[in-house]
Amino acid sequence: QSAKRFVRQRQAKMQEYFKRVGEHANEIFLPIENLKSILLGGPGPTKYDFDKGNFLHYTLKEKIVATIDTAYTDDHGVEEVVEGSQDILRRIRYVEEKKIMQKFLREIGQDTGLAAYGENEVRTYLNNGIVATLLLSEDIESVRVTVKCGSCDYTKHETIKMYEVAEFEQKTNGSSCPKCNVPTLSVTDTQETIDELAEAAEIAGTDVEVLSGDTEEGQMLKKSFGGVAAILRYKAVN
């Protein structure tokens, strides 16, 4: 009898523990917008018991993509989960990239007017707030430079290749302003294009998808569309 009572007490304590973990997880993860995946890890079989139960909110439970065995429960255990899930996460990301690129190509193929590509065109739509999803190649090798005049309000933005920055600065700094003709032009800011566009997208409330150069879809975005593309919220009016 005492053995059975011990088992029941242990099970009750385990259920209470799972309940607390679930409540804390719900508090942390439910407010996170666009949460895509959850990894469940730990030593022993208890993680499988937790997964089988209804301790997580159903929307979070649906996002569990892998259960990883670990030897530790501390920070080392977290590192084990991250290391053990790399292949899984790569496969998930590949599927996501494939879907988003297929959607973009479908808009082009059906001539819906909801697809745009090329930095200049996409930048215009982004500034107008009509880009729903911004697609960027992680292999974009350019920077956005800002040129200002120290004597008037002249400002110019230009995109150049990374290897051209030093030459561009040497050519620009101290040259004459096209507006006031005073030789006080200078490069005041240099930022990688991918970061600058992503920041502009965040301000506009636009989703950003950065595609890896290791996938077929990422290579297509870079080679065929200049590494910058967009799916629009609605058709642009020219």
C-alpha atoms as a PDB file:
ATOM      1  CA  GLN A   1       0.000   0.000   0.000  1.00  0.00           C
ATOM      2  CA  SER A   2       2.783   2.405   0.930  1.00  0.00           C
ATOM      3  CA  ALA A   3       4.513   1.749  -2.402  1.00  0.00           C
ATOM      4  CA  LYS A   4       1.320   2.520  -4.333  1.00  0.00           C
ATOM      5  CA  ARG A   5       0.761   5.633  -2.249  1.00  0.00           C
ATOM      6  CA  PHE A   6       4.306   6.764  -2.994  1.00  0.00           C
ATOM      7  CA  VAL A   7       3.698   6.287  -6.724  1.00  0.00           C
ATOM      8  CA  ARG A   8       0.448   8.261  -6.559  1.00  0.00           C
ATOM      9  CA  GLN A   9       2.121  11.066  -4.614  1.00  0.00           C
ATOM     10  CA  ARG A  10       4.982  11.171  -7.076  1.00  0.00           C
ATOM     11  CA  GLN A  11       2.587  11.304 -10.024  1.00  0.00           C
ATOM     12  CA  ALA A  12       0.583  14.081  -8.356  1.00  0.00           C
ATOM     13  CA  LYS A  13       3.737  16.122  -7.746  1.00  0.00           C
ATOM     14  CA  MET A  14       4.848  15.529 -11.331  1.00  0.00           C
ATOM     15  CA  GLN A  15       1.479  16.705 -12.665  1.00  0.00           C
ATOM     16  CA  GLU A  16       1.674  19.816 -10.492  1.00  0.00           C
ATOM     17  CA  TYR A  17       5.197  20.483 -11.757  1.00  0.00           C
ATOM     18  CA  PHE A  18       4.095  20.077 -15.378  1.00  0.00           C
ATOM     19  CA  LYS A  19       1.202  22.449 -14.702  1.00  0.00           C
ATOM     20  CA  ARG A  20       3.558  25.132 -13.341  1.00  0.00           C
ATOM     21  CA  VAL A  21       5.929  24.725 -16.291  1.00  0.00           C
ATOM     22  CA  GLY A  22       3.018  25.006 -18.710  1.00  0.00           C
ATOM     23  CA  GLU A  23       1.681  28.134 -17.021  1.00  0.00           C
ATOM     24  CA  HIS A  24       5.088  29.816 -17.106  1.00  0.00           C
ATOM     25  CA  ALA A  25       5.597  28.808 -20.747  1.00  0.00           C
ATOM     26  CA  ASN A  26       2.177  30.178 -21.682  1.00  0.00           C
ATOM     27  CA  GLU A  27       2.959  33.489 -19.977  1.00  0.00           C
ATOM     28  CA  ILE A  28       6.270  33.782 -21.821  1.00  0.00           C
ATOM     29  CA  PHE A  29       5.432  32.485 -25.291  1.00  0.00           C
ATOM     30  CA  LEU A  30       1.801  33.418 -25.952  1.00  0.00           C
ATOM     31  CA  PRO A  31       2.506  37.182 -26.205  1.00  0.00           C
ATOM     32  CA  ILE A  32       5.263  36.604 -28.781  1.00  0.00           C
ATOM     33  CA  GLU A  33       4.000  37.496 -32.241  1.00  0.00           C
ATOM     34  CA  ASN A  34       5.061  35.307 -35.168  1.00  0.00           C
ATOM     35  CA  LEU A  35       6.450  32.586 -32.888  1.00  0.00           C
ATOM     36  CA  LYS A  36       7.204  29.832 -35.374  1.00  0.00           C
ATOM     37  CA  SER A  37       8.645  26.854 -33.524  1.00  0.00           C
ATOM     38  CA  ILE A  38       9.182  25.448 -30.045  1.00  0.00           C
ATOM     39  CA  LEU A  39      11.871  22.938 -29.068  1.00  0.00           C
ATOM     40  CA  LEU A  40      11.259  20.655 -26.099  1.00  0.00           C
ATOM     41  CA  GLY A  41      14.293  19.180 -24.393  1.00  0.00           C
ATOM     42  CA  GLY A  42      15.598  17.582 -21.233  1.00  0.00           C
ATOM     43  CA  PRO A  43      17.083  14.409 -19.746  1.00  0.00           C
ATOM     44  CA  GLY A  44      14.963  11.320 -19.189  1.00  0.00           C
ATOM     45  CA  PRO A  45      11.412  10.533 -20.322  1.00  0.00           C
ATOM     46  CA  THR A  46       9.564  13.306 -18.453  1.00  0.00           C
ATOM     47  CA  LYS A  47       9.649  15.635 -21.462  1.00  0.00           C
ATOM     48  CA  TYR A  48       7.593  13.086 -23.414  1.00  0.00           C
ATOM     49  CA  ASP A  49       5.037  12.932 -20.593  1.00  0.00           C
ATOM     50  CA  PHE A  50       4.842  16.718 -20.619  1.00  0.00           C
ATOM     51  CA  ASP A  51       4.396  16.718 -24.388  1.00  0.00           C
ATOM     52  CA  LYS A  52       1.557  14.167 -24.196  1.00  0.00           C
ATOM     53  CA  GLY A  53      -0.353  16.213 -21.617  1.00  0.00           C
ATOM     54  CA  ASN A  54      -2.385  19.368 -22.118  1.00  0.00           C
ATOM     55  CA  PHE A  55      -0.182  21.645 -20.063  1.00  0.00           C
ATOM     56  CA  LEU A  56       0.644  24.056 -22.869  1.00  0.00           C
ATOM     57  CA  HIS A  57      -1.885  26.255 -24.628  1.00  0.00           C
ATOM     58  CA  TYR A  58      -3.003  24.409 -27.758  1.00  0.00           C
ATOM     59  CA  THR A  59      -1.550  27.087 -30.070  1.00  0.00           C
ATOM     60  CA  LEU A  60       1.867  26.561 -28.474  1.00  0.00           C
ATOM     61  CA  LYS A  61       1.567  22.789 -28.436  1.00  0.00           C
ATOM     62  CA  GLU A  62       1.060  22.875 -32.203  1.00  0.00           C
ATOM     63  CA  LYS A  63       4.395  24.668 -32.587  1.00  0.00           C
ATOM     64  CA  ILE A  64       6.513  21.937 -30.947  1.00  0.00           C
ATOM     65  CA  VAL A  65       8.688  20.724 -33.818  1.00  0.00           C
ATOM     66  CA  ALA A  66      11.168  18.502 -31.992  1.00  0.00           C
ATOM     67  CA  THR A  67      11.867  16.786 -28.682  1.00  0.00           C
ATOM     68  CA  ILE A  68      15.585  16.648 -27.895  1.00  0.00           C
ATOM     69  CA  ASP A  69      17.364  14.376 -25.391  1.00  0.00           C
ATOM     70  CA  THR A  70      19.935  16.114 -23.195  1.00  0.00           C
ATOM     71  CA  ALA A  71      22.363  15.043 -20.495  1.00  0.00           C
ATOM     72  CA  TYR A  72      22.002  18.265 -18.493  1.00  0.00           C
ATOM     73  CA  THR A  73      19.215  20.474 -17.143  1.00  0.00           C
ATOM     74  CA  ASP A  74      21.149  23.751 -16.819  1.00  0.00           C
ATOM     75  CA  ASP A  75      22.580  26.086 -19.468  1.00  0.00           C
ATOM     76  CA  HIS A  76      24.548  23.171 -20.884  1.00  0.00           C
ATOM     77  CA  GLY A  77      21.229  21.432 -21.509  1.00  0.00           C
ATOM     78  CA  VAL A  78      19.972  24.449 -23.441  1.00  0.00           C
ATOM     79  CA  GLU A  79      23.130  24.346 -25.549  1.00  0.00           C
ATOM     80  CA  GLU A  80      22.507  20.650 -26.219  1.00  0.00           C
ATOM     81  CA  VAL A  81      18.982  21.415 -27.419  1.00  0.00           C
ATOM     82  CA  VAL A  82      20.248  24.125 -29.760  1.00  0.00           C
ATOM     83  CA  GLU A  83      23.036  21.932 -31.145  1.00  0.00           C
ATOM     84  CA  GLY A  84      20.789  18.890 -31.485  1.00  0.00           C
ATOM     85  CA  SER A  85      18.111  20.744 -33.413  1.00  0.00           C
ATOM     86  CA  GLN A  86      20.214  22.369 -36.139  1.00  0.00           C
ATOM     87  CA  ASP A  87      19.264  19.925 -38.891  1.00  0.00           C
ATOM     88  CA  ILE A  88      15.598  20.053 -37.911  1.00  0.00           C
ATOM     89  CA  LEU A  89      15.527  23.844 -37.924  1.00  0.00           C
ATOM     90  CA  ARG A  90      17.330  23.970 -41.264  1.00  0.00           C
ATOM     91  CA  ARG A  91      14.702  21.694 -42.802  1.00  0.00           C
ATOM     92  CA  ILE A  92      11.898  23.794 -41.339  1.00  0.00           C
ATOM     93  CA  ARG A  93      13.481  26.995 -42.625  1.00  0.00           C
ATOM     94  CA  TYR A  94      13.984  25.445 -46.063  1.00  0.00           C
ATOM     95  CA  VAL A  95      10.264  24.633 -46.271  1.00  0.00           C
ATOM     96  CA  GLU A  96       9.391  28.180 -45.172  1.00  0.00           C
ATOM     97  CA  GLU A  97      11.708  29.716 -47.780  1.00  0.00           C
ATOM     98  CA  LYS A  98      10.264  27.468 -50.458  1.00  0.00           C
ATOM     99  CA  LYS A  99       6.702  28.506 -49.581  1.00  0.00           C
ATOM    100  CA  ILE A 100       7.403  32.233 -49.509  1.00  0.00           C
ATOM    101  CA  MET A 101       9.317  32.099 -52.788  1.00  0.00           C
ATOM    102  CA  GLN A 102       6.560  30.048 -54.434  1.00  0.00           C
ATOM    103  CA  LYS A 103       4.024  32.659 -53.345  1.00  0.00           C
ATOM    104  CA  PHE A 104       6.174  35.435 -54.820  1.00  0.00           C
ATOM    105  CA  LEU A 105       6.621  33.555 -58.105  1.00  0.00           C
ATOM    106  CA  ARG A 106       2.896  32.816 -58.237  1.00  0.00           C
ATOM    107  CA  GLU A 107       2.108  36.535 -58.002  1.00  0.00           C
ATOM    108  CA  ILE A 108       4.518  37.183 -60.872  1.00  0.00           C
ATOM    109  CA  GLY A 109       3.228  34.283 -62.981  1.00  0.00           C
ATOM    110  CA  GLN A 110      -0.405  35.311 -62.568  1.00  0.00           C
ATOM    111  CA  ASP A 111       0.458  38.967 -63.180  1.00  0.00           C
ATOM    112  CA  THR A 112      -1.528  40.085 -60.145  1.00  0.00           C
ATOM    113  CA  GLY A 113       0.490  43.249 -59.680  1.00  0.00           C
ATOM    114  CA  LEU A 114       1.283  42.136 -56.136  1.00  0.00           C
ATOM    115  CA  ALA A 115       4.948  41.302 -56.733  1.00  0.00           C
ATOM    116  CA  ALA A 116       7.903  43.634 -57.098  1.00  0.00           C
ATOM    117  CA  TYR A 117      11.646  43.157 -57.339  1.00  0.00           C
ATOM    118  CA  GLY A 118      14.772  45.212 -57.674  1.00  0.00           C
ATOM    119  CA  GLU A 119      15.988  47.522 -54.934  1.00  0.00           C
ATOM    120  CA  ASN A 120      14.703  50.809 -56.364  1.00  0.00           C
ATOM    121  CA  GLU A 121      11.171  49.591 -57.057  1.00  0.00           C
ATOM    122  CA  VAL A 122      10.854  47.725 -53.768  1.00  0.00           C
ATOM    123  CA  ARG A 123      12.257  50.684 -51.836  1.00  0.00           C
ATOM    124  CA  THR A 124       9.599  52.964 -53.353  1.00  0.00           C
ATOM    125  CA  TYR A 125       6.776  50.603 -52.378  1.00  0.00           C
ATOM    126  CA  LEU A 126       8.303  50.129 -48.937  1.00  0.00           C
ATOM    127  CA  ASN A 127       8.393  53.875 -48.343  1.00  0.00           C
ATOM    128  CA  ASN A 128       4.753  54.060 -49.470  1.00  0.00           C
ATOM    129  CA  GLY A 129       3.800  51.421 -46.900  1.00  0.00           C
ATOM    130  CA  ILE A 130       2.304  48.888 -49.310  1.00  0.00           C
ATOM    131  CA  VAL A 131       4.802  46.034 -48.892  1.00  0.00           C
ATOM    132  CA  ALA A 132       3.329  43.090 -46.982  1.00  0.00           C
ATOM    133  CA  THR A 133       6.452  40.909 -47.075  1.00  0.00           C
ATOM    134  CA  LEU A 134      10.015  41.953 -47.892  1.00  0.00           C
ATOM    135  CA  LEU A 135      12.266  39.225 -49.298  1.00  0.00           C
ATOM    136  CA  LEU A 136      15.999  39.736 -48.870  1.00  0.00           C
ATOM    137  CA  SER A 137      18.952  37.577 -49.857  1.00  0.00           C
ATOM    138  CA  GLU A 138      21.449  37.189 -47.027  1.00  0.00           C
ATOM    139  CA  ASP A 139      24.161  37.465 -49.703  1.00  0.00           C
ATOM    140  CA  ILE A 140      23.426  41.075 -50.667  1.00  0.00           C
ATOM    141  CA  GLU A 141      26.869  42.659 -51.010  1.00  0.00           C
ATOM    142  CA  SER A 142      26.057  46.343 -51.022  1.00  0.00           C
ATOM    143  CA  VAL A 143      25.812  49.258 -48.613  1.00  0.00           C
ATOM    144  CA  ARG A 144      23.586  52.309 -48.406  1.00  0.00           C
ATOM    145  CA  VAL A 145      25.560  55.525 -48.037  1.00  0.00           C
ATOM    146  CA  THR A 146      24.294  58.937 -47.009  1.00  0.00           C
ATOM    147  CA  VAL A 147      25.988  62.030 -48.400  1.00  0.00           C
ATOM    148  CA  LYS A 148      25.356  65.449 -46.852  1.00  0.00           C
ATOM    149  CA  CYS A 149      26.557  68.975 -47.445  1.00  0.00           C
ATOM    150  CA  GLY A 150      28.015  70.869 -44.513  1.00  0.00           C
ATOM    151  CA  SER A 151      26.896  74.221 -45.926  1.00  0.00           C
ATOM    152  CA  CYS A 152      23.265  73.598 -46.973  1.00  0.00           C
ATOM    153  CA  ASP A 153      20.489  71.027 -46.556  1.00  0.00           C
ATOM    154  CA  TYR A 154      21.541  68.877 -49.516  1.00  0.00           C
ATOM    155  CA  THR A 155      21.269  65.126 -48.788  1.00  0.00           C
ATOM    156  CA  LYS A 156      21.667  62.143 -51.087  1.00  0.00           C
ATOM    157  CA  HIS A 157      21.302  58.399 -50.510  1.00  0.00           C
ATOM    158  CA  GLU A 158      23.027  55.901 -52.769  1.00  0.00           C
ATOM    159  CA  THR A 159      23.587  52.151 -52.884  1.00  0.00           C
ATOM    160  CA  ILE A 160      27.080  50.974 -53.777  1.00  0.00           C
ATOM    161  CA  LYS A 161      29.055  47.750 -53.626  1.00  0.00           C
ATOM    162  CA  MET A 162      30.902  47.041 -50.396  1.00  0.00           C
ATOM    163  CA  TYR A 163      34.284  47.078 -52.111  1.00  0.00           C
ATOM    164  CA  GLU A 164      33.541  50.554 -53.509  1.00  0.00           C
ATOM    165  CA  VAL A 165      33.112  52.290 -50.137  1.00  0.00           C
ATOM    166  CA  ALA A 166      36.687  53.505 -49.657  1.00  0.00           C
ATOM    167  CA  GLU A 167      36.943  54.870 -53.202  1.00  0.00           C
ATOM    168  CA  PHE A 168      33.489  56.472 -52.937  1.00  0.00           C
ATOM    169  CA  GLU A 169      34.399  58.255 -49.696  1.00  0.00           C
ATOM    170  CA  GLN A 170      37.687  59.473 -51.142  1.00  0.00           C
ATOM    171  CA  LYS A 171      35.904  60.815 -54.214  1.00  0.00           C
ATOM    172  CA  THR A 172      33.000  62.389 -52.299  1.00  0.00           C
ATOM    173  CA  ASN A 173      34.490  63.911 -49.158  1.00  0.00           C
ATOM    174  CA  GLY A 174      35.385  67.554 -49.783  1.00  0.00           C
ATOM    175  CA  SER A 175      33.816  67.703 -53.224  1.00  0.00           C
ATOM    176  CA  SER A 176      31.459  70.471 -54.357  1.00  0.00           C
ATOM    177  CA  CYS A 177      27.781  70.359 -53.468  1.00  0.00           C
ATOM    178  CA  PRO A 178      25.516  70.284 -56.560  1.00  0.00           C
ATOM    179  CA  LYS A 179      23.080  72.615 -54.767  1.00  0.00           C
ATOM    180  CA  CYS A 180      25.265  75.358 -53.262  1.00  0.00           C
ATOM    181  CA  ASN A 181      28.594  74.659 -55.037  1.00  0.00           C
ATOM    182  CA  VAL A 182      30.512  74.780 -51.734  1.00  0.00           C
ATOM    183  CA  PRO A 183      33.095  71.945 -51.440  1.00  0.00           C
ATOM    184  CA  THR A 184      31.720  70.552 -48.175  1.00  0.00           C
ATOM    185  CA  LEU A 185      30.186  67.217 -49.172  1.00  0.00           C
ATOM    186  CA  SER A 186      30.915  64.229 -46.947  1.00  0.00           C
ATOM    187  CA  VAL A 187      29.740  60.669 -46.390  1.00  0.00           C
ATOM    188  CA  THR A 188      27.928  60.814 -43.059  1.00  0.00           C
ATOM    189  CA  ASP A 189      26.565  57.286 -42.799  1.00  0.00           C
ATOM    190  CA  THR A 190      27.273  53.830 -44.203  1.00  0.00           C
ATOM    191  CA  GLN A 191      25.020  50.849 -43.517  1.00  0.00           C
ATOM    192  CA  GLU A 192      24.697  47.425 -45.081  1.00  0.00           C
ATOM    193  CA  THR A 193      21.737  47.434 -47.461  1.00  0.00           C
ATOM    194  CA  ILE A 194      20.150  44.349 -45.923  1.00  0.00           C
ATOM    195  CA  ASP A 195      20.123  45.971 -42.467  1.00  0.00           C
ATOM    196  CA  GLU A 196      18.896  49.322 -43.756  1.00  0.00           C
ATOM    197  CA  LEU A 197      16.005  47.760 -45.695  1.00  0.00           C
ATOM    198  CA  ALA A 198      15.071  45.521 -42.766  1.00  0.00           C
ATOM    199  CA  GLU A 199      14.906  48.553 -40.466  1.00  0.00           C
ATOM    200  CA  ALA A 200      12.743  50.429 -42.970  1.00  0.00           C
ATOM    201  CA  ALA A 201      10.454  47.395 -43.163  1.00  0.00           C
ATOM    202  CA  GLU A 202      10.115  47.282 -39.389  1.00  0.00           C
ATOM    203  CA  ILE A 203       9.074  50.936 -39.327  1.00  0.00           C
ATOM    204  CA  ALA A 204       6.489  50.240 -42.052  1.00  0.00           C
ATOM    205  CA  GLY A 205       5.089  47.202 -40.239  1.00  0.00           C
ATOM    206  CA  THR A 206       6.314  44.890 -42.994  1.00  0.00           C
ATOM    207  CA  ASP A 207       7.260  41.244 -42.476  1.00  0.00           C
ATOM    208  CA  VAL A 208      10.866  40.452 -43.414  1.00  0.00           C
ATOM    209  CA  GLU A 209      12.089  37.133 -44.796  1.00  0.00           C
ATOM    210  CA  VAL A 210      15.852  36.693 -45.195  1.00  0.00           C
ATOM    211  CA  LEU A 211      16.605  33.808 -47.546  1.00  0.00           C
ATOM    212  CA  SER A 212      19.771  31.762 -47.230  1.00  0.00           C
ATOM    213  CA  GLY A 213      22.199  31.572 -50.104  1.00  0.00           C
ATOM    214  CA  ASP A 214      22.480  27.834 -49.453  1.00  0.00           C
ATOM    215  CA  THR A 215      18.992  27.055 -50.783  1.00  0.00           C
ATOM    216  CA  GLU A 216      17.728  26.985 -54.358  1.00  0.00           C
ATOM    217  CA  GLU A 217      15.138  29.629 -53.483  1.00  0.00           C
ATOM    218  CA  GLY A 218      17.728  31.923 -51.930  1.00  0.00           C
ATOM    219  CA  GLN A 219      19.999  31.588 -54.941  1.00  0.00           C
ATOM    220  CA  MET A 220      17.088  32.360 -57.274  1.00  0.00           C
ATOM    221  CA  LEU A 221      16.233  35.496 -55.300  1.00  0.00           C
ATOM    222  CA  LYS A 222      19.831  36.703 -55.560  1.00  0.00           C
ATOM    223  CA  LYS A 223      20.563  35.809 -59.188  1.00  0.00           C
ATOM    224  CA  SER A 224      17.196  36.431 -60.852  1.00  0.00           C
ATOM    225  CA  PHE A 225      15.747  39.268 -58.782  1.00  0.00           C
ATOM    226  CA  GLY A 226      18.780  41.150 -57.477  1.00  0.00           C
ATOM    227  CA  GLY A 227      18.406  39.892 -53.924  1.00  0.00           C
ATOM    228  CA  VAL A 228      15.515  42.242 -53.109  1.00  0.00           C
ATOM    229  CA  ALA A 229      11.852  41.449 -53.748  1.00  0.00           C
ATOM    230  CA  ALA A 230       8.448  42.103 -52.236  1.00  0.00           C
ATOM    231  CA  ILE A 231       4.902  40.834 -52.000  1.00  0.00           C
ATOM    232  CA  LEU A 232       2.553  43.818 -51.869  1.00  0.00           C
ATOM    233  CA  ARG A 233      -0.492  44.393 -49.698  1.00  0.00           C
ATOM    234  CA  TYR A 234      -2.383  45.713 -52.689  1.00  0.00           C
ATOM    235  CA  LYS A 235      -1.701  46.634 -56.281  1.00  0.00           C
ATOM    236  CA  ALA A 236       0.248  49.839 -56.682  1.00  0.00           C
ATOM    237  CA  VAL A 237      -1.425  52.686 -58.541  1.00  0.00           C
ATOM    238  CA  ASN A 238       0.946  54.281 -61.015  1.00  0.00           C
END
